[in-house]
Amino acid sequence: MTTAEERLMALGLTLPDVPAPIATYLPYKLAGSLLFLSGQVPRRDDGSLFRGKIGAEISAEEGYQHARICALQLIAVAKLAVGDLSRLSVTKVLGMVNAVPEFSDHPKVINGASDLFVEIFGEDGKHARSAVGMGSLPNQVTVEVEAVFYVR
């Protein structure tokens, strides 16, 4: 049986550094056996943000990749919080899409995060989820994804 760490390596993925909070919040909060992760926005390797409106200058396919980046960042935060990815099960995901009013494929965009969680955690990556459209997001980023993990 392969571990989450082995799956990350097999996919050629490395966990990014966890960015420092830019306001009065924590990147994570452990409450009993639940690990609440603050929303992550898509960052490039140099730390710059992916910005724009999905359904206008940004396609749903690009948004999917941005949601995938957010999920990888969430996994990095979860590892920072508990140290061992094998202790984790993804429980709930909220994906927010900065979209034009006419856009209706929010779930397809947030599938980028959901698909990565399943690729990394297998059955433990399957989760409850909401995928919603927003009129705007901080710094005009394309997506923001937050998650709750169960910790064994």
C-alpha atoms as a PDB file:
ATOM      1  CA  MET A   1       0.000   0.000   0.000  1.00  0.00           C
ATOM      2  CA  THR A   2       1.440   3.348  -0.996  1.00  0.00           C
ATOM      3  CA  THR A   3       1.463   6.297   1.388  1.00  0.00           C
ATOM      4  CA  ALA A   4       0.396   9.852   0.681  1.00  0.00           C
ATOM      5  CA  GLU A   5       4.063  10.874   0.695  1.00  0.00           C
ATOM      6  CA  GLU A   6       4.870   8.180  -1.901  1.00  0.00           C
ATOM      7  CA  ARG A   7       1.943   9.305  -4.067  1.00  0.00           C
ATOM      8  CA  LEU A   8       3.206  12.896  -3.934  1.00  0.00           C
ATOM      9  CA  MET A   9       6.640  11.727  -5.094  1.00  0.00           C
ATOM     10  CA  ALA A  10       5.166   9.508  -7.823  1.00  0.00           C
ATOM     11  CA  LEU A  11       3.264  12.520  -9.185  1.00  0.00           C
ATOM     12  CA  GLY A  12       6.441  14.612  -9.086  1.00  0.00           C
ATOM     13  CA  LEU A  13       4.920  17.012  -6.567  1.00  0.00           C
ATOM     14  CA  THR A  14       6.697  18.766  -3.736  1.00  0.00           C
ATOM     15  CA  LEU A  15       4.892  20.500  -0.938  1.00  0.00           C
ATOM     16  CA  PRO A  16       5.346  24.267  -1.077  1.00  0.00           C
ATOM     17  CA  ASP A  17       6.394  26.392   1.862  1.00  0.00           C
ATOM     18  CA  VAL A  18       3.443  27.509   3.959  1.00  0.00           C
ATOM     19  CA  PRO A  19       2.975  31.263   3.547  1.00  0.00           C
ATOM     20  CA  ALA A  20       2.828  33.365   6.700  1.00  0.00           C
ATOM     21  CA  PRO A  21      -0.656  34.752   7.457  1.00  0.00           C
ATOM     22  CA  ILE A  22      -1.106  38.321   6.236  1.00  0.00           C
ATOM     23  CA  ALA A  23      -3.823  39.187   8.771  1.00  0.00           C
ATOM     24  CA  THR A  24      -5.129  38.123  12.159  1.00  0.00           C
ATOM     25  CA  TYR A  25      -5.687  34.402  11.609  1.00  0.00           C
ATOM     26  CA  LEU A  26      -3.865  31.096  11.860  1.00  0.00           C
ATOM     27  CA  PRO A  27      -3.059  28.834   8.897  1.00  0.00           C
ATOM     28  CA  TYR A  28      -4.671  25.975  10.834  1.00  0.00           C
ATOM     29  CA  LYS A  29      -6.496  25.210  14.076  1.00  0.00           C
ATOM     30  CA  LEU A  30      -6.704  21.754  15.626  1.00  0.00           C
ATOM     31  CA  ALA A  31      -9.945  21.214  17.559  1.00  0.00           C
ATOM     32  CA  GLY A  32     -10.022  17.709  19.007  1.00  0.00           C
ATOM     33  CA  SER A  33      -9.664  15.353  16.057  1.00  0.00           C
ATOM     34  CA  LEU A  34     -10.619  17.969  13.468  1.00  0.00           C
ATOM     35  CA  LEU A  35      -8.019  20.075  11.688  1.00  0.00           C
ATOM     36  CA  PHE A  36      -9.442  23.289  10.224  1.00  0.00           C
ATOM     37  CA  LEU A  37      -7.320  24.823   7.465  1.00  0.00           C
ATOM     38  CA  SER A  38      -7.591  28.462   6.444  1.00  0.00           C
ATOM     39  CA  GLY A  39      -8.312  29.133   2.808  1.00  0.00           C
ATOM     40  CA  GLN A  40      -5.410  28.923   0.384  1.00  0.00           C
ATOM     41  CA  VAL A  41      -5.145  30.899  -2.840  1.00  0.00           C
ATOM     42  CA  PRO A  42      -3.172  29.826  -5.920  1.00  0.00           C
ATOM     43  CA  ARG A  43       0.453  30.949  -5.851  1.00  0.00           C
ATOM     44  CA  ARG A  44       3.163  30.526  -8.416  1.00  0.00           C
ATOM     45  CA  ASP A  45       6.573  29.182  -7.370  1.00  0.00           C
ATOM     46  CA  ASP A  46       7.802  32.762  -6.966  1.00  0.00           C
ATOM     47  CA  GLY A  47       4.933  33.567  -4.567  1.00  0.00           C
ATOM     48  CA  SER A  48       2.945  35.703  -6.997  1.00  0.00           C
ATOM     49  CA  LEU A  49      -0.786  35.095  -7.255  1.00  0.00           C
ATOM     50  CA  PHE A  50      -2.935  33.792 -10.097  1.00  0.00           C
ATOM     51  CA  ARG A  51      -5.548  36.523 -10.621  1.00  0.00           C
ATOM     52  CA  GLY A  52      -8.571  37.072 -12.793  1.00  0.00           C
ATOM     53  CA  LYS A  53     -12.170  36.130 -13.413  1.00  0.00           C
ATOM     54  CA  ILE A  54     -13.055  32.595 -14.393  1.00  0.00           C
ATOM     55  CA  GLY A  55     -15.310  32.712 -17.425  1.00  0.00           C
ATOM     56  CA  ALA A  56     -13.689  35.928 -18.678  1.00  0.00           C
ATOM     57  CA  GLU A  57      -9.903  36.047 -19.094  1.00  0.00           C
ATOM     58  CA  ILE A  58      -9.359  32.755 -17.203  1.00  0.00           C
ATOM     59  CA  SER A  59     -10.778  29.451 -18.481  1.00  0.00           C
ATOM     60  CA  ALA A  60     -12.399  26.780 -16.341  1.00  0.00           C
ATOM     61  CA  GLU A  61      -9.468  24.485 -17.225  1.00  0.00           C
ATOM     62  CA  GLU A  62      -6.980  27.046 -15.889  1.00  0.00           C
ATOM     63  CA  GLY A  63      -9.151  27.444 -12.794  1.00  0.00           C
ATOM     64  CA  TYR A  64      -9.036  23.664 -12.301  1.00  0.00           C
ATOM     65  CA  GLN A  65      -5.223  23.864 -12.204  1.00  0.00           C
ATOM     66  CA  HIS A  66      -5.387  26.783  -9.774  1.00  0.00           C
ATOM     67  CA  ALA A  67      -7.675  24.796  -7.442  1.00  0.00           C
ATOM     68  CA  ARG A  68      -5.184  21.931  -7.648  1.00  0.00           C
ATOM     69  CA  ILE A  69      -2.424  24.309  -6.528  1.00  0.00           C
ATOM     70  CA  CYS A  70      -4.597  25.363  -3.585  1.00  0.00           C
ATOM     71  CA  ALA A  71      -5.070  21.721  -2.577  1.00  0.00           C
ATOM     72  CA  LEU A  72      -1.326  21.107  -2.654  1.00  0.00           C
ATOM     73  CA  GLN A  73      -0.848  24.139  -0.419  1.00  0.00           C
ATOM     74  CA  LEU A  74      -3.535  22.826   1.949  1.00  0.00           C
ATOM     75  CA  ILE A  75      -1.704  19.499   2.149  1.00  0.00           C
ATOM     76  CA  ALA A  76       1.476  21.407   3.062  1.00  0.00           C
ATOM     77  CA  VAL A  77      -0.371  23.202   5.874  1.00  0.00           C
ATOM     78  CA  ALA A  78      -1.854  19.915   7.115  1.00  0.00           C
ATOM     79  CA  LYS A  79       1.605  18.317   7.177  1.00  0.00           C
ATOM     80  CA  LEU A  80       2.931  21.294   9.131  1.00  0.00           C
ATOM     81  CA  ALA A  81       0.084  20.862  11.623  1.00  0.00           C
ATOM     82  CA  VAL A  82       0.331  17.110  12.250  1.00  0.00           C
ATOM     83  CA  GLY A  83       3.647  16.019  10.735  1.00  0.00           C
ATOM     84  CA  ASP A  84       2.441  12.765   9.176  1.00  0.00           C
ATOM     85  CA  LEU A  85       0.056  12.739   6.222  1.00  0.00           C
ATOM     86  CA  SER A  86      -0.966   9.140   6.936  1.00  0.00           C
ATOM     87  CA  ARG A  87      -2.877  10.431   9.986  1.00  0.00           C
ATOM     88  CA  LEU A  88      -5.221  12.492   7.808  1.00  0.00           C
ATOM     89  CA  SER A  89      -8.542  12.057   6.088  1.00  0.00           C
ATOM     90  CA  VAL A  90     -10.089  14.907   4.086  1.00  0.00           C
ATOM     91  CA  THR A  91     -13.537  15.592   5.539  1.00  0.00           C
ATOM     92  CA  LYS A  92     -14.951  18.815   4.056  1.00  0.00           C
ATOM     93  CA  VAL A  93     -13.844  21.187   1.311  1.00  0.00           C
ATOM     94  CA  LEU A  94     -15.157  24.630   0.445  1.00  0.00           C
ATOM     95  CA  GLY A  95     -14.096  25.986  -2.934  1.00  0.00           C
ATOM     96  CA  MET A  96     -14.768  29.578  -3.935  1.00  0.00           C
ATOM     97  CA  VAL A  97     -14.491  30.632  -7.566  1.00  0.00           C
ATOM     98  CA  ASN A  98     -13.982  34.248  -8.645  1.00  0.00           C
ATOM     99  CA  ALA A  99     -16.286  34.087 -11.645  1.00  0.00           C
ATOM    100  CA  VAL A 100     -18.355  36.223 -13.958  1.00  0.00           C
ATOM    101  CA  PRO A 101     -22.098  36.075 -13.134  1.00  0.00           C
ATOM    102  CA  GLU A 102     -22.859  33.913 -16.181  1.00  0.00           C
ATOM    103  CA  PHE A 103     -20.342  31.199 -15.226  1.00  0.00           C
ATOM    104  CA  SER A 104     -21.970  27.984 -14.016  1.00  0.00           C
ATOM    105  CA  ASP A 105     -19.215  25.347 -13.878  1.00  0.00           C
ATOM    106  CA  HIS A 106     -17.927  26.085 -10.369  1.00  0.00           C
ATOM    107  CA  PRO A 107     -17.827  22.356  -9.455  1.00  0.00           C
ATOM    108  CA  LYS A 108     -15.622  21.592 -12.486  1.00  0.00           C
ATOM    109  CA  VAL A 109     -13.103  24.191 -11.283  1.00  0.00           C
ATOM    110  CA  ILE A 110     -13.035  22.927  -7.694  1.00  0.00           C
ATOM    111  CA  ASN A 111     -12.642  19.362  -8.971  1.00  0.00           C
ATOM    112  CA  GLY A 112      -8.988  20.366  -9.335  1.00  0.00           C
ATOM    113  CA  ALA A 113      -8.686  20.331  -5.540  1.00  0.00           C
ATOM    114  CA  SER A 114     -10.929  17.304  -5.015  1.00  0.00           C
ATOM    115  CA  ASP A 115      -9.127  15.230  -7.639  1.00  0.00           C
ATOM    116  CA  LEU A 116      -5.731  15.970  -6.097  1.00  0.00           C
ATOM    117  CA  PHE A 117      -6.942  15.033  -2.605  1.00  0.00           C
ATOM    118  CA  VAL A 118      -8.115  11.655  -3.933  1.00  0.00           C
ATOM    119  CA  GLU A 119      -4.886  11.151  -5.916  1.00  0.00           C
ATOM    120  CA  ILE A 120      -2.809  11.764  -2.780  1.00  0.00           C
ATOM    121  CA  PHE A 121      -4.966  10.258  -0.016  1.00  0.00           C
ATOM    122  CA  GLY A 122      -6.915   7.582  -1.920  1.00  0.00           C
ATOM    123  CA  GLU A 123     -10.167   6.721  -0.134  1.00  0.00           C
ATOM    124  CA  ASP A 124      -9.176   9.102   2.678  1.00  0.00           C
ATOM    125  CA  GLY A 125      -9.217  11.912   0.117  1.00  0.00           C
ATOM    126  CA  LYS A 126     -12.951  11.588  -0.609  1.00  0.00           C
ATOM    127  CA  HIS A 127     -14.886  14.359   1.119  1.00  0.00           C
ATOM    128  CA  ALA A 128     -18.039  16.407   1.407  1.00  0.00           C
ATOM    129  CA  ARG A 129     -17.794  19.635  -0.596  1.00  0.00           C
ATOM    130  CA  SER A 130     -19.305  22.936  -1.584  1.00  0.00           C
ATOM    131  CA  ALA A 131     -18.242  24.806  -4.732  1.00  0.00           C
ATOM    132  CA  VAL A 132     -19.575  28.335  -5.021  1.00  0.00           C
ATOM    133  CA  GLY A 133     -19.132  31.400  -7.185  1.00  0.00           C
ATOM    134  CA  MET A 134     -18.057  34.752  -5.790  1.00  0.00           C
ATOM    135  CA  GLY A 135     -18.255  38.251  -7.190  1.00  0.00           C
ATOM    136  CA  SER A 136     -14.652  38.748  -6.093  1.00  0.00           C
ATOM    137  CA  LEU A 137     -11.974  37.194  -3.914  1.00  0.00           C
ATOM    138  CA  PRO A 138      -9.075  38.830  -2.027  1.00  0.00           C
ATOM    139  CA  ASN A 139      -6.477  40.336  -4.372  1.00  0.00           C
ATOM    140  CA  GLN A 140      -8.691  39.241  -7.288  1.00  0.00           C
ATOM    141  CA  VAL A 141      -7.336  35.666  -7.103  1.00  0.00           C
ATOM    142  CA  THR A 142      -9.081  33.111  -9.289  1.00  0.00           C
ATOM    143  CA  VAL A 143      -9.997  30.605  -6.563  1.00  0.00           C
ATOM    144  CA  GLU A 144      -9.720  30.018  -2.830  1.00  0.00           C
ATOM    145  CA  VAL A 145     -10.044  26.600  -1.210  1.00  0.00           C
ATOM    146  CA  GLU A 146     -10.343  25.716   2.473  1.00  0.00           C
ATOM    147  CA  ALA A 147     -10.608  22.285   4.069  1.00  0.00           C
ATOM    148  CA  VAL A 148     -11.315  20.334   7.225  1.00  0.00           C
ATOM    149  CA  PHE A 149      -9.358  17.137   7.880  1.00  0.00           C
ATOM    150  CA  TYR A 150     -10.015  14.351  10.368  1.00  0.00           C
ATOM    151  CA  VAL A 151      -6.857  13.484  12.320  1.00  0.00           C
ATOM    152  CA  ARG A 152      -6.323   9.890  13.471  1.00  0.00           C
END
